[in-house]
Amino acid sequence: MIADRAHDRAVVGIGNQPFMSIQAVGKTYRGKERSVKALDPVNLDLAAGEFVSVVGPSGCGKSTLIMLVAGLVPMTTGQVVIEGRRVMSPYTNVGIIFQRDALLDWRTVLDNVLLQIDIRRLRRSRYEPLARELLTRVGLGGFETYHPWELSGGMRQRVALCRALIHDPSLLLMDEPFGALDALTRDQMILDLERIWLENRKTIMFITHSISEAIFLSDRIVVMSPRPGRIASEIRVSLPRPRRLSVRESTAFGRYAAQIREQFQAFGLLTET
């Protein structure tokens, strides 16, 4: 019930000033001999606390969009406005998680979580209790002194998630974070992520190739076209939260999946004989 009320507040927020506004953002990579248009102008608003997934074929500009939002790559056209401020340089009130965890093998699990704190020159003693709490919440209590090479892929991604949350950012950008995991670990990670999101209500932009993953996690799904990427459709997911894995067997879940697959078929990306 609490989660449902929070969801309602987030949806209402879309009609007001959005938490994040992507306004006619496009990207063309220019080379000496040729240019590649990665993104047609994209317009997308996210409400505070909303979980939005972006799905689309490989090469459609999903990862590029994440980099543009974070201010890590300059956009060719348009602008991104977050919390009323235009992104003109790397945005710092953000946690970013990539498909590869990018942990530092010479640092312990605890030190990897605290990496951003060290880089930002914040008081480590203030954040270490939070780091330990985050590790416990994702099932890694007792692994603080381990090194990344001693962990499984799923454990490493849990550390990466804790590192992204340690400075309490208002925005999480996640680029295929579970793509390299086995099916069982992936299922556990999506359960963990939804639980943490329901507790903290961060605004999340989540990139994935998995239709099932997008439906399970999202308030809203944005379907991208093949390159140059553009928003082909948006789908509101009305499944109640918290969600159990069994929801994937429901008729409603199947309808959402069919709607997205039909969009990909229209692009010529899925063909049936």
Protein backbone atom coordinates (compact mmCIF):
# COMPACT_ATOMS: atom_id res chain seq x y z
CA MET A 1 0.00 0.00 0.00
CA ILE A 2 2.81 2.42 0.84
CA ALA A 3 4.55 1.57 -2.43
CA ASP A 4 1.30 2.15 -4.36
CA ARG A 5 0.84 5.61 -2.82
CA ALA A 6 4.46 6.51 -3.63
CA HIS A 7 3.89 5.34 -7.20
CA ASP A 8 0.81 7.55 -7.45
CA ARG A 9 2.81 10.59 -6.28
CA ALA A 10 5.49 9.90 -8.89
CA VAL A 11 2.95 9.61 -11.69
CA VAL A 12 1.22 12.83 -10.62
CA GLY A 13 4.62 14.53 -10.76
CA ILE A 14 4.80 13.98 -14.51
CA GLY A 15 2.13 16.62 -14.98
CA ASN A 16 4.12 19.15 -12.99
CA GLN A 17 7.70 20.27 -13.54
CA PRO A 18 9.60 17.07 -14.33
CA PHE A 19 12.58 15.94 -12.31
CA MET A 20 14.49 15.45 -15.56
CA SER A 21 13.68 16.76 -19.01
CA ILE A 22 15.43 15.55 -22.16
CA GLN A 23 14.65 18.18 -24.77
CA ALA A 24 15.30 17.50 -28.47
CA VAL A 25 18.57 15.77 -27.60
CA GLY A 26 20.39 14.31 -30.59
CA LYS A 27 23.88 12.97 -31.19
CA THR A 28 26.01 12.61 -34.29
CA TYR A 29 29.52 11.19 -34.03
CA ARG A 30 31.69 12.95 -36.59
CA GLY A 31 34.79 11.28 -38.01
CA LYS A 32 37.35 12.32 -40.59
CA GLU A 33 35.75 10.31 -43.38
CA ARG A 34 32.16 9.79 -42.25
CA SER A 35 29.64 10.72 -39.59
CA VAL A 36 27.30 8.42 -37.70
CA LYS A 37 23.96 9.70 -36.49
CA ALA A 38 23.36 7.81 -33.26
CA LEU A 39 20.26 9.61 -32.00
CA ASP A 40 17.49 11.55 -33.66
CA PRO A 41 16.19 14.31 -31.40
CA VAL A 42 14.72 12.67 -28.30
CA ASN A 43 12.17 14.25 -25.98
CA LEU A 44 11.50 12.56 -22.65
CA ASP A 45 10.48 13.68 -19.16
CA LEU A 46 11.01 11.70 -15.95
CA ALA A 47 9.13 12.41 -12.74
CA ALA A 48 10.86 12.36 -9.38
CA GLY A 49 10.97 8.79 -8.11
CA GLU A 50 9.95 7.26 -11.43
CA PHE A 51 11.52 4.07 -12.78
CA VAL A 52 11.81 4.31 -16.57
CA SER A 53 13.35 1.59 -18.73
CA VAL A 54 14.62 2.14 -22.27
CA VAL A 55 14.55 -0.88 -24.58
CA GLY A 56 15.66 -1.15 -28.17
CA PRO A 57 17.94 -2.98 -30.59
CA SER A 58 21.72 -2.92 -30.34
CA GLY A 59 23.21 0.25 -31.77
CA CYS A 60 20.06 2.37 -31.38
CA GLY A 61 21.74 4.91 -29.10
CA LYS A 62 20.49 3.74 -25.68
CA SER A 63 23.93 3.90 -24.07
CA THR A 64 24.65 7.17 -25.85
CA LEU A 65 21.52 8.63 -24.29
CA ILE A 66 22.73 7.66 -20.82
CA MET A 67 26.10 9.32 -21.46
CA LEU A 68 24.43 12.50 -22.70
CA VAL A 69 22.16 12.68 -19.65
CA ALA A 70 25.18 12.26 -17.36
CA GLY A 71 27.03 15.04 -19.18
CA LEU A 72 29.88 12.68 -20.06
CA VAL A 73 29.48 13.16 -23.81
CA PRO A 74 28.54 16.45 -25.52
CA MET A 75 25.19 16.43 -27.31
CA THR A 76 24.87 17.62 -30.90
CA THR A 77 21.42 19.13 -30.42
CA GLY A 78 19.09 19.89 -27.55
CA GLN A 79 19.56 20.03 -23.80
CA VAL A 80 19.07 18.03 -20.62
CA VAL A 81 17.60 19.74 -17.56
CA ILE A 82 17.75 17.98 -14.18
CA GLU A 83 16.09 19.48 -11.11
CA GLY A 84 15.72 22.76 -12.96
CA ARG A 85 19.39 23.03 -13.99
CA ARG A 86 20.79 22.50 -17.45
CA VAL A 87 23.47 19.83 -17.71
CA MET A 88 26.55 21.56 -19.14
CA SER A 89 29.28 19.31 -17.71
CA PRO A 90 29.49 15.95 -15.90
CA TYR A 91 26.49 15.74 -13.58
CA THR A 92 27.56 14.82 -10.06
CA ASN A 93 24.30 14.10 -8.22
CA VAL A 94 24.06 10.76 -10.00
CA GLY A 95 25.00 7.12 -9.55
CA ILE A 96 25.98 5.24 -12.73
CA ILE A 97 26.09 1.46 -13.12
CA PHE A 98 27.38 -0.14 -16.31
CA GLN A 99 27.22 -3.70 -17.62
CA ARG A 100 30.78 -4.21 -16.42
CA ASP A 101 31.10 -3.42 -12.74
CA ALA A 102 34.40 -1.50 -13.12
CA LEU A 103 35.52 -2.41 -9.60
CA LEU A 104 39.17 -1.84 -8.69
CA ASP A 105 40.79 -5.20 -7.93
CA TRP A 106 43.36 -3.72 -5.54
CA ARG A 107 40.66 -2.22 -3.31
CA THR A 108 38.55 -4.24 -0.90
CA VAL A 109 34.77 -4.47 -1.26
CA LEU A 110 34.33 -1.75 1.37
CA ASP A 111 36.96 0.46 -0.25
CA ASN A 112 35.30 0.04 -3.66
CA VAL A 113 31.97 1.18 -2.22
CA LEU A 114 33.71 4.19 -0.66
CA LEU A 115 35.60 5.08 -3.83
CA GLN A 116 33.33 8.03 -4.65
CA ILE A 117 33.66 9.30 -1.10
CA ASP A 118 37.45 9.25 -1.41
CA ILE A 119 37.38 10.93 -4.83
CA ARG A 120 35.01 13.63 -3.59
CA ARG A 121 37.22 14.11 -0.51
CA LEU A 122 34.30 13.63 1.83
CA ARG A 123 34.73 12.47 5.40
CA ARG A 124 35.18 8.70 5.14
CA SER A 125 34.22 8.06 8.77
CA ARG A 126 30.80 9.57 8.10
CA TYR A 127 30.04 7.26 5.17
CA GLU A 128 31.62 3.99 6.28
CA PRO A 129 28.62 2.95 8.45
CA LEU A 130 26.32 3.59 5.49
CA ALA A 131 28.58 1.55 3.21
CA ARG A 132 28.42 -1.39 5.61
CA GLU A 133 24.64 -1.02 5.87
CA LEU A 134 24.26 -1.01 2.08
CA LEU A 135 26.41 -4.13 1.76
CA THR A 136 24.30 -5.89 4.37
CA ARG A 137 21.09 -4.92 2.56
CA VAL A 138 22.30 -6.56 -0.67
CA GLY A 139 23.48 -9.70 1.11
CA LEU A 140 27.18 -8.89 1.29
CA GLY A 141 27.56 -8.34 5.02
CA GLY A 142 30.80 -10.02 6.05
CA PHE A 143 32.45 -9.53 2.65
CA GLU A 144 33.81 -6.04 3.40
CA THR A 145 37.46 -7.16 3.39
CA TYR A 146 37.21 -9.35 0.28
CA HIS A 147 38.59 -8.23 -3.09
CA PRO A 148 36.60 -8.18 -6.35
CA TRP A 149 38.48 -11.14 -7.81
CA GLU A 150 37.16 -13.25 -4.92
CA LEU A 151 33.51 -12.51 -5.80
CA SER A 152 31.02 -13.88 -8.31
CA GLY A 153 29.63 -11.67 -11.09
CA GLY A 154 26.40 -11.06 -9.21
CA MET A 155 28.25 -10.14 -6.03
CA ARG A 156 30.43 -7.71 -7.96
CA GLN A 157 27.35 -5.98 -9.39
CA ARG A 158 25.89 -5.70 -5.90
CA VAL A 159 29.06 -3.90 -4.85
CA ALA A 160 28.70 -1.61 -7.89
CA LEU A 161 25.11 -0.86 -6.85
CA CYS A 162 26.23 0.05 -3.33
CA ARG A 163 28.95 2.29 -4.75
CA ALA A 164 26.37 4.09 -6.90
CA LEU A 165 24.14 4.70 -3.86
CA ILE A 166 26.74 5.64 -1.23
CA HIS A 167 26.54 9.41 -1.82
CA ASP A 168 22.71 9.35 -1.88
CA PRO A 169 22.23 10.62 -5.46
CA SER A 170 18.81 11.71 -6.64
CA LEU A 171 19.29 9.97 -10.02
CA LEU A 172 20.49 6.48 -10.97
CA LEU A 173 21.56 5.73 -14.54
CA MET A 174 21.86 2.00 -15.23
CA ASP A 175 23.22 0.70 -18.55
CA GLU A 176 22.55 -3.05 -18.97
CA PRO A 177 23.72 -3.72 -15.40
CA PHE A 178 22.55 -7.34 -15.36
CA GLY A 179 23.28 -8.25 -18.97
CA ALA A 180 26.33 -10.41 -18.21
CA LEU A 181 24.74 -12.37 -15.34
CA ASP A 182 23.28 -15.87 -15.42
CA ALA A 183 19.50 -16.17 -15.35
CA LEU A 184 19.16 -17.10 -11.67
CA THR A 185 21.47 -14.30 -10.48
CA ARG A 186 19.73 -11.87 -12.80
CA ASP A 187 16.35 -12.71 -11.26
CA GLN A 188 17.72 -12.08 -7.77
CA MET A 189 19.27 -8.79 -8.84
CA ILE A 190 16.01 -7.44 -10.25
CA LEU A 191 14.27 -8.38 -6.99
CA ASP A 192 17.01 -6.64 -5.01
CA LEU A 193 16.87 -3.56 -7.20
CA GLU A 194 13.10 -3.19 -6.93
CA ARG A 195 13.26 -3.58 -3.15
CA ILE A 196 15.99 -0.94 -2.80
CA TRP A 197 14.16 1.39 -5.19
CA LEU A 198 10.92 1.07 -3.22
CA GLU A 199 12.83 1.95 -0.05
CA ASN A 200 14.70 4.96 -1.47
CA ARG A 201 12.61 6.13 -4.42
CA LYS A 202 15.48 7.30 -6.57
CA THR A 203 14.66 8.40 -10.09
CA ILE A 204 16.01 5.62 -12.33
CA MET A 205 16.73 5.49 -16.05
CA PHE A 206 17.41 1.84 -16.87
CA ILE A 207 18.81 0.59 -20.18
CA THR A 208 18.11 -3.03 -21.09
CA HIS A 209 17.68 -5.43 -24.01
CA SER A 210 15.40 -7.62 -21.89
CA ILE A 211 11.68 -7.07 -22.42
CA SER A 212 10.86 -9.12 -19.32
CA GLU A 213 13.31 -7.17 -17.17
CA ALA A 214 11.89 -3.85 -18.35
CA ILE A 215 8.29 -4.85 -17.61
CA PHE A 216 9.11 -6.25 -14.18
CA LEU A 217 11.01 -3.19 -12.98
CA SER A 218 9.40 -0.22 -14.65
CA ASP A 219 6.69 2.34 -14.14
CA ARG A 220 7.13 3.22 -17.80
CA ILE A 221 8.94 1.67 -20.77
CA VAL A 222 10.38 3.70 -23.65
CA VAL A 223 10.81 1.70 -26.88
CA MET A 224 13.57 2.94 -29.19
CA SER A 225 13.76 2.49 -32.94
CA PRO A 226 16.84 1.20 -34.81
CA ARG A 227 19.63 3.73 -35.45
CA PRO A 228 19.35 6.60 -35.57
CA GLY A 229 17.48 6.03 -32.33
CA ARG A 230 14.21 7.78 -31.66
CA ILE A 231 11.37 7.13 -29.25
CA ALA A 232 8.89 4.92 -31.08
CA SER A 233 6.46 4.39 -28.22
CA GLU A 234 5.98 4.67 -24.46
CA ILE A 235 4.17 2.08 -22.35
CA ARG A 236 2.83 2.66 -18.85
CA VAL A 237 3.19 -0.46 -16.67
CA SER A 238 0.34 -0.72 -14.14
CA LEU A 239 1.31 -3.94 -12.36
CA PRO A 240 1.02 -3.58 -8.55
CA ARG A 241 4.15 -3.41 -6.41
CA PRO A 242 6.06 -5.01 -4.89
CA ARG A 243 6.26 -7.49 -7.75
CA ARG A 244 6.99 -11.18 -7.46
CA LEU A 245 8.67 -13.26 -10.15
CA SER A 246 5.38 -15.10 -10.65
CA VAL A 247 3.90 -11.91 -12.15
CA ARG A 248 5.76 -12.82 -15.34
CA GLU A 249 3.26 -15.64 -15.84
CA SER A 250 0.26 -13.31 -15.64
CA THR A 251 -1.95 -12.33 -18.56
CA ALA A 252 -1.23 -8.63 -18.01
CA PHE A 253 2.53 -9.22 -18.15
CA GLY A 254 2.10 -11.16 -21.38
CA ARG A 255 0.12 -8.31 -22.93
CA TYR A 256 2.90 -5.83 -22.18
CA ALA A 257 5.49 -8.20 -23.66
CA ALA A 258 3.40 -8.74 -26.79
CA GLN A 259 3.00 -4.99 -27.23
CA ILE A 260 6.76 -4.47 -27.19
CA ARG A 261 7.46 -7.44 -29.46
CA GLU A 262 4.91 -6.14 -31.95
CA GLN A 263 6.81 -2.85 -32.02
CA PHE A 264 10.05 -4.68 -32.79
CA GLN A 265 8.30 -6.70 -35.49
CA ALA A 266 7.15 -3.46 -37.06
CA PHE A 267 10.81 -2.41 -37.22
CA GLY A 268 11.61 -5.68 -39.02
CA LEU A 269 13.75 -6.86 -36.11
CA LEU A 270 11.69 -9.96 -35.35
CA THR A 271 10.49 -12.26 -38.10
CA GLU A 272 8.51 -15.47 -37.79
CA THR A 273 8.38 -18.18 -40.43
